[in-house]
């Protein structure tokens, strides 16, 4: 049986990932778009970039980050998946 510490660490990791995704997609892509549009990235306004590509790239990075951290967390608590050879 997995203890409460495992689930607390899991929920903390999920909250961290969701906070980063919210910051990039909502705050940078919607709320601060006018301020960020004053900056150019590769010829495009930075606010537009965050709204169109930045939030998607961040989400992809967060998927791999979450998978990596969960593998480490699973090993720490002894609940990792065993591979058959």
C-alpha atoms as a PDB file:
ATOM      1  CA  UNK A   1       0.000   0.000   0.000  1.00  0.00           C
ATOM      2  CA  UNK A   2       1.320   3.400  -0.956  1.00  0.00           C
ATOM      3  CA  UNK A   3       1.498   5.807   1.952  1.00  0.00           C
ATOM      4  CA  UNK A   4       0.298   9.379   2.242  1.00  0.00           C
ATOM      5  CA  UNK A   5       3.775  10.827   1.672  1.00  0.00           C
ATOM      6  CA  UNK A   6       3.774   9.401  -1.854  1.00  0.00           C
ATOM      7  CA  UNK A   7       0.431  10.991  -2.672  1.00  0.00           C
ATOM      8  CA  UNK A   8       1.407  14.303  -1.105  1.00  0.00           C
ATOM      9  CA  UNK A   9       4.560  14.388  -3.222  1.00  0.00           C
ATOM     10  CA  UNK A  10       2.542  13.402  -6.306  1.00  0.00           C
ATOM     11  CA  UNK A  11      -0.051  16.134  -5.743  1.00  0.00           C
ATOM     12  CA  UNK A  12       2.679  18.688  -5.050  1.00  0.00           C
ATOM     13  CA  UNK A  13       4.317  17.801  -8.379  1.00  0.00           C
ATOM     14  CA  UNK A  14       0.990  18.049 -10.215  1.00  0.00           C
ATOM     15  CA  UNK A  15       0.259  21.430  -8.612  1.00  0.00           C
ATOM     16  CA  UNK A  16       3.711  22.693  -9.629  1.00  0.00           C
ATOM     17  CA  UNK A  17       3.226  21.577 -13.253  1.00  0.00           C
ATOM     18  CA  UNK A  18      -0.256  23.089 -13.429  1.00  0.00           C
ATOM     19  CA  UNK A  19       1.001  26.377 -11.963  1.00  0.00           C
ATOM     20  CA  UNK A  20       3.740  26.616 -14.611  1.00  0.00           C
ATOM     21  CA  UNK A  21       1.276  25.772 -17.375  1.00  0.00           C
ATOM     22  CA  UNK A  22      -1.224  28.348 -16.054  1.00  0.00           C
ATOM     23  CA  UNK A  23       1.484  30.992 -15.853  1.00  0.00           C
ATOM     24  CA  UNK A  24       2.652  30.432 -19.416  1.00  0.00           C
ATOM     25  CA  UNK A  25      -0.701  29.872 -21.109  1.00  0.00           C
ATOM     26  CA  UNK A  26      -3.058  32.203 -19.232  1.00  0.00           C
ATOM     27  CA  UNK A  27      -0.890  34.883 -17.641  1.00  0.00           C
ATOM     28  CA  UNK A  28       1.696  35.262 -20.426  1.00  0.00           C
ATOM     29  CA  UNK A  29      -0.628  34.341 -23.297  1.00  0.00           C
ATOM     30  CA  UNK A  30      -3.687  36.388 -22.237  1.00  0.00           C
ATOM     31  CA  UNK A  31      -3.210  38.750 -19.293  1.00  0.00           C
ATOM     32  CA  UNK A  32       0.251  40.116 -20.131  1.00  0.00           C
ATOM     33  CA  UNK A  33       0.004  39.823 -23.905  1.00  0.00           C
ATOM     34  CA  UNK A  34       0.101  43.581 -24.526  1.00  0.00           C
ATOM     35  CA  UNK A  35       3.206  44.093 -22.391  1.00  0.00           C
ATOM     36  CA  UNK A  36       4.962  41.076 -23.910  1.00  0.00           C
ATOM     37  CA  UNK A  37       4.122  42.182 -27.453  1.00  0.00           C
ATOM     38  CA  UNK A  38       6.629  45.010 -27.010  1.00  0.00           C
ATOM     39  CA  UNK A  39       9.343  42.306 -27.170  1.00  0.00           C
ATOM     40  CA  UNK A  40      10.095  40.463 -30.412  1.00  0.00           C
ATOM     41  CA  UNK A  41      11.180  36.808 -30.671  1.00  0.00           C
ATOM     42  CA  UNK A  42      12.272  35.652 -34.110  1.00  0.00           C
ATOM     43  CA  UNK A  43      10.316  38.457 -35.758  1.00  0.00           C
ATOM     44  CA  UNK A  44       7.115  37.706 -33.844  1.00  0.00           C
ATOM     45  CA  UNK A  45       5.667  39.543 -30.879  1.00  0.00           C
ATOM     46  CA  UNK A  46       6.446  37.654 -27.671  1.00  0.00           C
ATOM     47  CA  UNK A  47       2.844  37.775 -26.412  1.00  0.00           C
ATOM     48  CA  UNK A  48       1.633  36.254 -29.673  1.00  0.00           C
ATOM     49  CA  UNK A  49       4.369  33.615 -29.473  1.00  0.00           C
ATOM     50  CA  UNK A  50       3.340  32.588 -25.938  1.00  0.00           C
ATOM     51  CA  UNK A  51      -0.316  32.427 -26.949  1.00  0.00           C
ATOM     52  CA  UNK A  52       0.331  30.363 -30.085  1.00  0.00           C
ATOM     53  CA  UNK A  53       3.454  28.254 -29.582  1.00  0.00           C
ATOM     54  CA  UNK A  54       4.932  28.931 -26.155  1.00  0.00           C
ATOM     55  CA  UNK A  55       2.135  27.352 -24.154  1.00  0.00           C
ATOM     56  CA  UNK A  56       2.205  24.231 -26.349  1.00  0.00           C
ATOM     57  CA  UNK A  57       5.992  23.869 -26.070  1.00  0.00           C
ATOM     58  CA  UNK A  58       5.788  24.392 -22.330  1.00  0.00           C
ATOM     59  CA  UNK A  59       3.083  21.736 -22.061  1.00  0.00           C
ATOM     60  CA  UNK A  60       5.246  19.237 -23.967  1.00  0.00           C
ATOM     61  CA  UNK A  61       8.246  19.954 -21.738  1.00  0.00           C
ATOM     62  CA  UNK A  62       6.031  19.559 -18.662  1.00  0.00           C
ATOM     63  CA  UNK A  63       4.860  16.122 -19.863  1.00  0.00           C
ATOM     64  CA  UNK A  64       8.437  14.832 -20.034  1.00  0.00           C
ATOM     65  CA  UNK A  65       9.366  16.592 -16.781  1.00  0.00           C
ATOM     66  CA  UNK A  66       6.376  15.028 -15.001  1.00  0.00           C
ATOM     67  CA  UNK A  67       7.112  11.550 -16.355  1.00  0.00           C
ATOM     68  CA  UNK A  68      10.750  11.794 -15.284  1.00  0.00           C
ATOM     69  CA  UNK A  69       9.932  13.065 -11.796  1.00  0.00           C
ATOM     70  CA  UNK A  70       7.191  10.453 -11.316  1.00  0.00           C
ATOM     71  CA  UNK A  71       9.638   7.680 -12.239  1.00  0.00           C
ATOM     72  CA  UNK A  72      12.018   8.981  -9.572  1.00  0.00           C
ATOM     73  CA  UNK A  73       9.178   9.306  -7.071  1.00  0.00           C
ATOM     74  CA  UNK A  74       7.985   5.766  -7.823  1.00  0.00           C
ATOM     75  CA  UNK A  75      11.494   4.395  -7.252  1.00  0.00           C
ATOM     76  CA  UNK A  76      11.831   6.354  -4.015  1.00  0.00           C
ATOM     77  CA  UNK A  77       8.645   4.798  -2.624  1.00  0.00           C
ATOM     78  CA  UNK A  78       9.213   1.362  -4.164  1.00  0.00           C
ATOM     79  CA  UNK A  79       6.219   1.357  -6.511  1.00  0.00           C
ATOM     80  CA  UNK A  80       8.019   1.545  -9.854  1.00  0.00           C
ATOM     81  CA  UNK A  81       6.963  -0.629 -12.748  1.00  0.00           C
ATOM     82  CA  UNK A  82       9.104  -3.708 -13.259  1.00  0.00           C
ATOM     83  CA  UNK A  83      10.201  -4.409 -16.828  1.00  0.00           C
ATOM     84  CA  UNK A  84      10.139  -7.960 -18.041  1.00  0.00           C
ATOM     85  CA  UNK A  85      12.994  -9.112 -20.216  1.00  0.00           C
END
